[in-house]
Amino acid sequence: DSVSSSSTQLWLNETEIREKLDGIESIMGSSPRWVMLGRVFNANNHTHNGTIIILVMDSEQEEKIGVGREWNRRPLGYQETYISNSALRQINVQPNMGERVHIGVDLLQLASTFGGLDEDAIIEILTNIIEGYIANN
């Protein structure tokens, strides 16, 4: 089924939706987006921090189907993000200078939003994230 839910979340299987919509001439396509709360920290001084809204999207897919036509920024590279100037000012970081920030997400809260995952699946996901981080640093 394309839709699943837990007591507080409604999830859409975007891959299945994309497959069902494929070939319908009047529909250009679909693209997933995830929104979550997080924290941004000045990399040199974590006392400078703030709450942010994190938007995760497939910018290549969105460009392909014409979503966000006004988005004229280049695709992000490894360990890059776009952050609003107001969030940067809040943590005392200058925009467009290549300065590093740290972004934090409560992984347990994030994992719990995926209501159908059991403890073993959550541990596997977190292990993969940590191993990927270690391999790239």
N, C-alpha and C. Protein backbone atom coordinates (compact mmCIF):
# COMPACT_ATOMS: atom_id res chain seq x y z
N ASP A 1 0.83 -1.18 0.00
CA ASP A 1 0.00 0.00 0.00
C ASP A 1 0.88 1.24 0.00
N SER A 2 0.42 2.29 -0.66
CA SER A 2 1.20 3.52 -0.78
C SER A 2 1.20 4.36 0.48
N VAL A 3 0.27 4.09 1.40
CA VAL A 3 0.14 4.88 2.61
C VAL A 3 0.23 3.98 3.82
N SER A 4 1.00 4.39 4.82
CA SER A 4 1.02 3.70 6.10
C SER A 4 0.97 4.76 7.19
N SER A 5 0.58 4.36 8.38
CA SER A 5 0.51 5.34 9.45
C SER A 5 0.82 4.71 10.79
N SER A 6 1.29 5.53 11.70
CA SER A 6 1.40 5.16 13.10
C SER A 6 0.42 6.06 13.82
N SER A 7 0.44 6.07 15.13
CA SER A 7 -0.54 6.87 15.87
C SER A 7 -0.37 8.37 15.62
N THR A 8 0.85 8.82 15.27
CA THR A 8 1.07 10.25 15.09
C THR A 8 1.62 10.63 13.73
N GLN A 9 1.98 9.67 12.91
CA GLN A 9 2.62 9.97 11.64
C GLN A 9 1.87 9.33 10.48
N LEU A 10 1.89 9.99 9.36
CA LEU A 10 1.36 9.45 8.12
C LEU A 10 2.51 9.39 7.13
N TRP A 11 2.78 8.20 6.59
CA TRP A 11 3.91 8.01 5.69
C TRP A 11 3.42 7.61 4.32
N LEU A 12 4.02 8.19 3.31
CA LEU A 12 3.72 7.84 1.93
C LEU A 12 4.92 7.12 1.33
N ASN A 13 4.68 6.04 0.62
CA ASN A 13 5.75 5.32 -0.05
C ASN A 13 5.97 6.02 -1.38
N GLU A 14 6.93 6.93 -1.41
CA GLU A 14 7.14 7.76 -2.59
C GLU A 14 7.56 6.94 -3.79
N THR A 15 8.34 5.88 -3.58
CA THR A 15 8.76 5.03 -4.69
C THR A 15 7.55 4.39 -5.35
N GLU A 16 6.64 3.89 -4.55
CA GLU A 16 5.43 3.27 -5.11
C GLU A 16 4.54 4.30 -5.78
N ILE A 17 4.43 5.47 -5.17
CA ILE A 17 3.63 6.54 -5.78
C ILE A 17 4.22 6.94 -7.12
N ARG A 18 5.56 7.09 -7.17
CA ARG A 18 6.23 7.46 -8.41
C ARG A 18 5.95 6.42 -9.51
N GLU A 19 6.03 5.14 -9.14
CA GLU A 19 5.77 4.07 -10.10
C GLU A 19 4.34 4.12 -10.62
N LYS A 20 3.37 4.41 -9.73
CA LYS A 20 1.96 4.46 -10.14
C LYS A 20 1.68 5.67 -11.02
N LEU A 21 2.40 6.78 -10.79
CA LEU A 21 2.18 7.99 -11.57
C LEU A 21 2.94 8.01 -12.89
N ASP A 22 3.96 7.16 -12.98
CA ASP A 22 4.78 7.11 -14.18
C ASP A 22 3.91 6.77 -15.39
N GLY A 23 4.04 7.54 -16.41
CA GLY A 23 3.27 7.28 -17.63
C GLY A 23 1.98 8.08 -17.73
N ILE A 24 1.58 8.76 -16.67
CA ILE A 24 0.41 9.63 -16.73
C ILE A 24 0.88 10.96 -17.29
N GLU A 25 0.41 11.27 -18.47
CA GLU A 25 0.94 12.41 -19.22
C GLU A 25 0.80 13.74 -18.50
N SER A 26 -0.27 13.93 -17.75
CA SER A 26 -0.50 15.23 -17.10
C SER A 26 0.29 15.42 -15.80
N ILE A 27 1.02 14.39 -15.37
CA ILE A 27 1.81 14.48 -14.15
C ILE A 27 3.28 14.43 -14.51
N MET A 28 4.02 15.45 -14.07
CA MET A 28 5.44 15.55 -14.39
C MET A 28 6.30 14.62 -13.53
N GLY A 29 5.81 14.24 -12.36
CA GLY A 29 6.57 13.36 -11.48
C GLY A 29 6.32 13.71 -10.03
N SER A 30 7.09 13.09 -9.17
CA SER A 30 6.99 13.37 -7.74
C SER A 30 8.39 13.31 -7.14
N SER A 31 8.52 13.88 -5.97
CA SER A 31 9.81 13.90 -5.30
C SER A 31 9.59 13.93 -3.79
N PRO A 32 10.34 13.12 -3.05
CA PRO A 32 10.13 13.09 -1.59
C PRO A 32 10.76 14.28 -0.90
N ARG A 33 10.20 14.64 0.23
CA ARG A 33 10.76 15.65 1.13
C ARG A 33 10.51 15.20 2.56
N TRP A 34 11.48 15.48 3.40
CA TRP A 34 11.34 15.20 4.83
C TRP A 34 11.63 16.48 5.58
N VAL A 35 10.85 16.77 6.58
CA VAL A 35 11.04 17.96 7.41
C VAL A 35 11.18 17.50 8.86
N MET A 36 12.18 18.05 9.54
CA MET A 36 12.40 17.70 10.95
C MET A 36 13.05 18.86 11.67
N LEU A 37 12.94 18.86 12.97
CA LEU A 37 13.63 19.86 13.79
C LEU A 37 15.05 19.39 14.06
N GLY A 38 15.95 20.34 14.18
CA GLY A 38 17.33 20.03 14.51
C GLY A 38 17.95 21.22 15.21
N ARG A 39 19.24 21.13 15.44
CA ARG A 39 20.00 22.21 16.05
C ARG A 39 21.20 22.51 15.19
N VAL A 40 21.57 23.76 15.11
CA VAL A 40 22.78 24.17 14.41
C VAL A 40 23.72 24.78 15.44
N PHE A 41 25.00 24.43 15.32
CA PHE A 41 26.01 24.87 16.28
C PHE A 41 27.17 25.53 15.54
N ASN A 42 27.71 26.58 16.13
CA ASN A 42 28.97 27.13 15.67
C ASN A 42 30.02 26.05 15.93
N ALA A 43 30.76 25.64 14.90
CA ALA A 43 31.71 24.53 15.03
C ALA A 43 32.82 24.83 16.03
N ASN A 44 33.12 26.10 16.24
CA ASN A 44 34.20 26.48 17.16
C ASN A 44 33.72 26.78 18.57
N ASN A 45 32.40 26.95 18.73
CA ASN A 45 31.87 27.30 20.04
C ASN A 45 30.42 26.84 20.12
N HIS A 46 30.21 25.66 20.67
CA HIS A 46 28.86 25.08 20.71
C HIS A 46 27.89 25.83 21.60
N THR A 47 28.38 26.81 22.38
CA THR A 47 27.43 27.62 23.15
C THR A 47 26.63 28.55 22.23
N HIS A 48 27.12 28.76 21.02
CA HIS A 48 26.37 29.50 20.00
C HIS A 48 25.60 28.48 19.19
N ASN A 49 24.30 28.36 19.47
CA ASN A 49 23.49 27.35 18.79
C ASN A 49 22.05 27.82 18.68
N GLY A 50 21.30 27.14 17.87
CA GLY A 50 19.90 27.49 17.69
C GLY A 50 19.11 26.35 17.09
N THR A 51 17.81 26.43 17.23
CA THR A 51 16.91 25.44 16.65
C THR A 51 16.65 25.79 15.19
N ILE A 52 16.66 24.77 14.35
CA ILE A 52 16.41 24.97 12.92
C ILE A 52 15.39 23.96 12.42
N ILE A 53 14.79 24.27 11.30
CA ILE A 53 13.94 23.33 10.59
C ILE A 53 14.78 22.78 9.45
N ILE A 54 14.91 21.46 9.41
CA ILE A 54 15.73 20.81 8.40
C ILE A 54 14.81 20.27 7.32
N LEU A 55 15.11 20.61 6.09
CA LEU A 55 14.38 20.11 4.93
C LEU A 55 15.33 19.23 4.14
N VAL A 56 14.98 17.97 4.01
CA VAL A 56 15.78 17.03 3.22
C VAL A 56 14.99 16.77 1.94
N MET A 57 15.66 16.97 0.80
CA MET A 57 14.96 16.80 -0.47
C MET A 57 15.92 16.26 -1.52
N ASP A 58 15.34 15.73 -2.57
CA ASP A 58 16.11 15.22 -3.70
C ASP A 58 16.14 16.33 -4.75
N SER A 59 17.14 17.21 -4.66
CA SER A 59 17.16 18.39 -5.53
C SER A 59 17.30 18.02 -7.00
N GLU A 60 18.00 16.94 -7.30
CA GLU A 60 18.13 16.52 -8.71
C GLU A 60 16.78 16.08 -9.26
N GLN A 61 16.01 15.31 -8.48
CA GLN A 61 14.68 14.89 -8.92
C GLN A 61 13.76 16.09 -9.05
N GLU A 62 13.85 17.02 -8.10
CA GLU A 62 12.99 18.20 -8.17
C GLU A 62 13.30 19.05 -9.40
N GLU A 63 14.58 19.17 -9.73
CA GLU A 63 14.95 19.92 -10.94
C GLU A 63 14.42 19.19 -12.18
N LYS A 64 14.53 17.89 -12.19
CA LYS A 64 14.08 17.08 -13.33
C LYS A 64 12.59 17.27 -13.62
N ILE A 65 11.77 17.39 -12.56
CA ILE A 65 10.33 17.51 -12.77
C ILE A 65 9.83 18.95 -12.68
N GLY A 66 10.75 19.90 -12.47
CA GLY A 66 10.37 21.31 -12.50
C GLY A 66 9.82 21.85 -11.19
N VAL A 67 10.08 21.19 -10.07
CA VAL A 67 9.65 21.70 -8.77
C VAL A 67 10.68 22.73 -8.31
N GLY A 68 10.23 23.81 -7.74
CA GLY A 68 11.16 24.82 -7.23
C GLY A 68 11.95 25.50 -8.34
N ARG A 69 11.26 25.91 -9.39
CA ARG A 69 11.95 26.52 -10.54
C ARG A 69 12.71 27.79 -10.16
N GLU A 70 12.33 28.41 -9.05
CA GLU A 70 13.03 29.61 -8.60
C GLU A 70 14.30 29.28 -7.81
N TRP A 71 14.52 28.01 -7.50
CA TRP A 71 15.71 27.57 -6.75
C TRP A 71 16.88 27.59 -7.72
N ASN A 72 17.75 28.59 -7.61
CA ASN A 72 18.83 28.74 -8.58
C ASN A 72 20.20 28.48 -7.95
N ARG A 73 20.22 27.73 -6.88
CA ARG A 73 21.50 27.44 -6.21
C ARG A 73 22.10 26.15 -6.77
N ARG A 74 23.41 26.05 -6.68
CA ARG A 74 24.10 24.87 -7.19
C ARG A 74 23.79 23.67 -6.30
N PRO A 75 23.91 22.46 -6.85
CA PRO A 75 23.74 21.26 -6.01
C PRO A 75 24.81 21.23 -4.93
N LEU A 76 24.45 20.70 -3.79
CA LEU A 76 25.38 20.64 -2.66
C LEU A 76 26.40 19.53 -2.85
N GLY A 77 27.58 19.75 -2.32
CA GLY A 77 28.63 18.74 -2.29
C GLY A 77 28.62 18.01 -0.95
N TYR A 78 29.60 17.16 -0.78
CA TYR A 78 29.74 16.38 0.45
C TYR A 78 29.90 17.31 1.65
N GLN A 79 29.18 17.04 2.70
CA GLN A 79 29.20 17.81 3.95
C GLN A 79 28.85 19.28 3.75
N GLU A 80 27.95 19.57 2.83
CA GLU A 80 27.49 20.93 2.61
C GLU A 80 26.00 21.02 2.91
N THR A 81 25.59 22.22 3.28
CA THR A 81 24.18 22.49 3.53
C THR A 81 23.90 23.96 3.23
N TYR A 82 22.66 24.26 2.97
CA TYR A 82 22.23 25.65 2.89
C TYR A 82 21.58 26.00 4.22
N ILE A 83 21.99 27.11 4.79
CA ILE A 83 21.45 27.59 6.07
C ILE A 83 21.12 29.06 5.91
N SER A 84 19.99 29.46 6.47
CA SER A 84 19.58 30.86 6.35
C SER A 84 20.58 31.78 7.04
N ASN A 85 20.69 32.99 6.50
CA ASN A 85 21.58 33.99 7.10
C ASN A 85 21.19 34.29 8.54
N SER A 86 19.89 34.30 8.83
CA SER A 86 19.46 34.60 10.21
C SER A 86 19.93 33.51 11.17
N ALA A 87 19.91 32.24 10.76
CA ALA A 87 20.40 31.16 11.62
C ALA A 87 21.91 31.29 11.82
N LEU A 88 22.62 31.68 10.76
CA LEU A 88 24.07 31.87 10.88
C LEU A 88 24.41 33.03 11.81
N ARG A 89 23.66 34.13 11.70
CA ARG A 89 23.89 35.27 12.59
C ARG A 89 23.67 34.85 14.05
N GLN A 90 22.65 34.02 14.27
CA GLN A 90 22.33 33.58 15.63
C GLN A 90 23.49 32.81 16.26
N ILE A 91 24.25 32.07 15.44
CA ILE A 91 25.36 31.28 15.98
C ILE A 91 26.72 31.92 15.72
N ASN A 92 26.69 33.18 15.27
CA ASN A 92 27.92 33.96 15.07
C ASN A 92 28.83 33.36 13.99
N VAL A 93 28.24 33.01 12.85
CA VAL A 93 28.99 32.49 11.70
C VAL A 93 28.68 33.38 10.50
N GLN A 94 29.72 33.75 9.77
CA GLN A 94 29.57 34.61 8.60
C GLN A 94 29.07 33.79 7.40
N PRO A 95 28.06 34.28 6.69
CA PRO A 95 27.56 33.55 5.51
C PRO A 95 28.54 33.62 4.35
N ASN A 96 28.49 32.61 3.50
CA ASN A 96 29.25 32.55 2.24
C ASN A 96 30.76 32.65 2.41
N MET A 97 31.26 32.17 3.54
CA MET A 97 32.70 32.21 3.79
C MET A 97 33.30 30.81 3.92
N GLY A 98 32.49 29.78 3.71
CA GLY A 98 32.99 28.42 3.80
C GLY A 98 33.22 27.93 5.22
N GLU A 99 32.69 28.67 6.20
CA GLU A 99 32.86 28.25 7.59
C GLU A 99 32.03 26.99 7.86
N ARG A 100 32.52 26.17 8.77
CA ARG A 100 31.83 24.95 9.15
C ARG A 100 30.85 25.21 10.29
N VAL A 101 29.76 24.49 10.25
CA VAL A 101 28.80 24.44 11.35
C VAL A 101 28.55 22.97 11.65
N HIS A 102 28.02 22.71 12.81
CA HIS A 102 27.59 21.36 13.15
C HIS A 102 26.07 21.36 13.22
N ILE A 103 25.48 20.31 12.70
CA ILE A 103 24.03 20.16 12.74
C ILE A 103 23.72 18.92 13.56
N GLY A 104 22.79 19.06 14.47
CA GLY A 104 22.42 17.94 15.32
C GLY A 104 20.96 17.58 15.15
N VAL A 105 20.70 16.29 15.14
CA VAL A 105 19.35 15.76 15.09
C VAL A 105 19.26 14.71 16.19
N ASP A 106 18.18 14.71 16.94
CA ASP A 106 17.97 13.70 17.96
C ASP A 106 17.64 12.39 17.24
N LEU A 107 18.65 11.51 17.13
CA LEU A 107 18.48 10.28 16.35
C LEU A 107 17.43 9.36 16.94
N LEU A 108 17.31 9.29 18.24
CA LEU A 108 16.27 8.44 18.83
C LEU A 108 14.88 8.96 18.50
N GLN A 109 14.72 10.29 18.57
CA GLN A 109 13.43 10.87 18.21
C GLN A 109 13.16 10.65 16.72
N LEU A 110 14.18 10.85 15.90
CA LEU A 110 14.02 10.64 14.47
C LEU A 110 13.64 9.19 14.18
N ALA A 111 14.36 8.25 14.78
CA ALA A 111 14.06 6.84 14.56
C ALA A 111 12.67 6.48 15.05
N SER A 112 12.23 7.08 16.14
CA SER A 112 10.91 6.75 16.66
C SER A 112 9.79 7.24 15.76
N THR A 113 10.07 8.24 14.91
CA THR A 113 9.05 8.70 13.98
C THR A 113 8.77 7.68 12.89
N PHE A 114 9.72 6.77 12.67
CA PHE A 114 9.52 5.69 11.73
C PHE A 114 8.84 4.55 12.48
N GLY A 115 7.57 4.75 12.84
CA GLY A 115 6.85 3.89 13.75
C GLY A 115 6.98 2.40 13.52
N GLY A 116 7.17 1.95 12.28
CA GLY A 116 7.22 0.52 12.02
C GLY A 116 8.56 -0.12 12.29
N LEU A 117 9.57 0.64 12.68
CA LEU A 117 10.89 0.08 12.89
C LEU A 117 11.02 -0.49 14.29
N ASP A 118 11.57 -1.68 14.36
CA ASP A 118 11.84 -2.25 15.68
C ASP A 118 13.23 -1.83 16.14
N GLU A 119 13.58 -2.21 17.35
CA GLU A 119 14.86 -1.79 17.93
C GLU A 119 16.05 -2.24 17.09
N ASP A 120 16.01 -3.46 16.55
CA ASP A 120 17.12 -3.96 15.73
C ASP A 120 17.29 -3.13 14.46
N ALA A 121 16.19 -2.73 13.84
CA ALA A 121 16.26 -1.92 12.62
C ALA A 121 16.84 -0.54 12.93
N ILE A 122 16.44 0.04 14.05
CA ILE A 122 16.95 1.35 14.45
C ILE A 122 18.45 1.26 14.69
N ILE A 123 18.90 0.21 15.40
CA ILE A 123 20.33 0.03 15.67
C ILE A 123 21.10 -0.14 14.36
N GLU A 124 20.54 -0.88 13.41
CA GLU A 124 21.21 -1.07 12.13
C GLU A 124 21.35 0.24 11.38
N ILE A 125 20.32 1.06 11.36
CA ILE A 125 20.36 2.35 10.68
C ILE A 125 21.42 3.25 11.33
N LEU A 126 21.41 3.33 12.66
CA LEU A 126 22.38 4.17 13.36
C LEU A 126 23.80 3.67 13.14
N THR A 127 23.98 2.36 13.12
CA THR A 127 25.31 1.78 12.86
C THR A 127 25.79 2.16 11.48
N ASN A 128 24.92 2.10 10.48
CA ASN A 128 25.29 2.48 9.11
C ASN A 128 25.67 3.95 9.03
N ILE A 129 24.95 4.80 9.74
CA ILE A 129 25.27 6.23 9.75
C ILE A 129 26.66 6.45 10.35
N ILE A 130 26.91 5.82 11.48
CA ILE A 130 28.21 5.98 12.16
C ILE A 130 29.33 5.43 11.31
N GLU A 131 29.14 4.24 10.72
CA GLU A 131 30.19 3.65 9.87
C GLU A 131 30.45 4.52 8.66
N GLY A 132 29.42 5.11 8.06
CA GLY A 132 29.60 6.00 6.93
C GLY A 132 30.37 7.24 7.31
N TYR A 133 30.09 7.76 8.49
CA TYR A 133 30.80 8.93 8.97
C TYR A 133 32.28 8.62 9.19
N ILE A 134 32.55 7.49 9.83
CA ILE A 134 33.92 7.09 10.09
C ILE A 134 34.69 6.87 8.80
N ALA A 135 34.05 6.23 7.82
CA ALA A 135 34.70 5.94 6.55
C ALA A 135 35.06 7.21 5.77
N ASN A 136 34.29 8.28 6.00
CA ASN A 136 34.51 9.52 5.24
C ASN A 136 35.31 10.56 6.01
N ASN A 137 35.78 10.23 7.19
CA ASN A 137 36.54 11.21 7.98
C ASN A 137 37.89 10.67 8.38
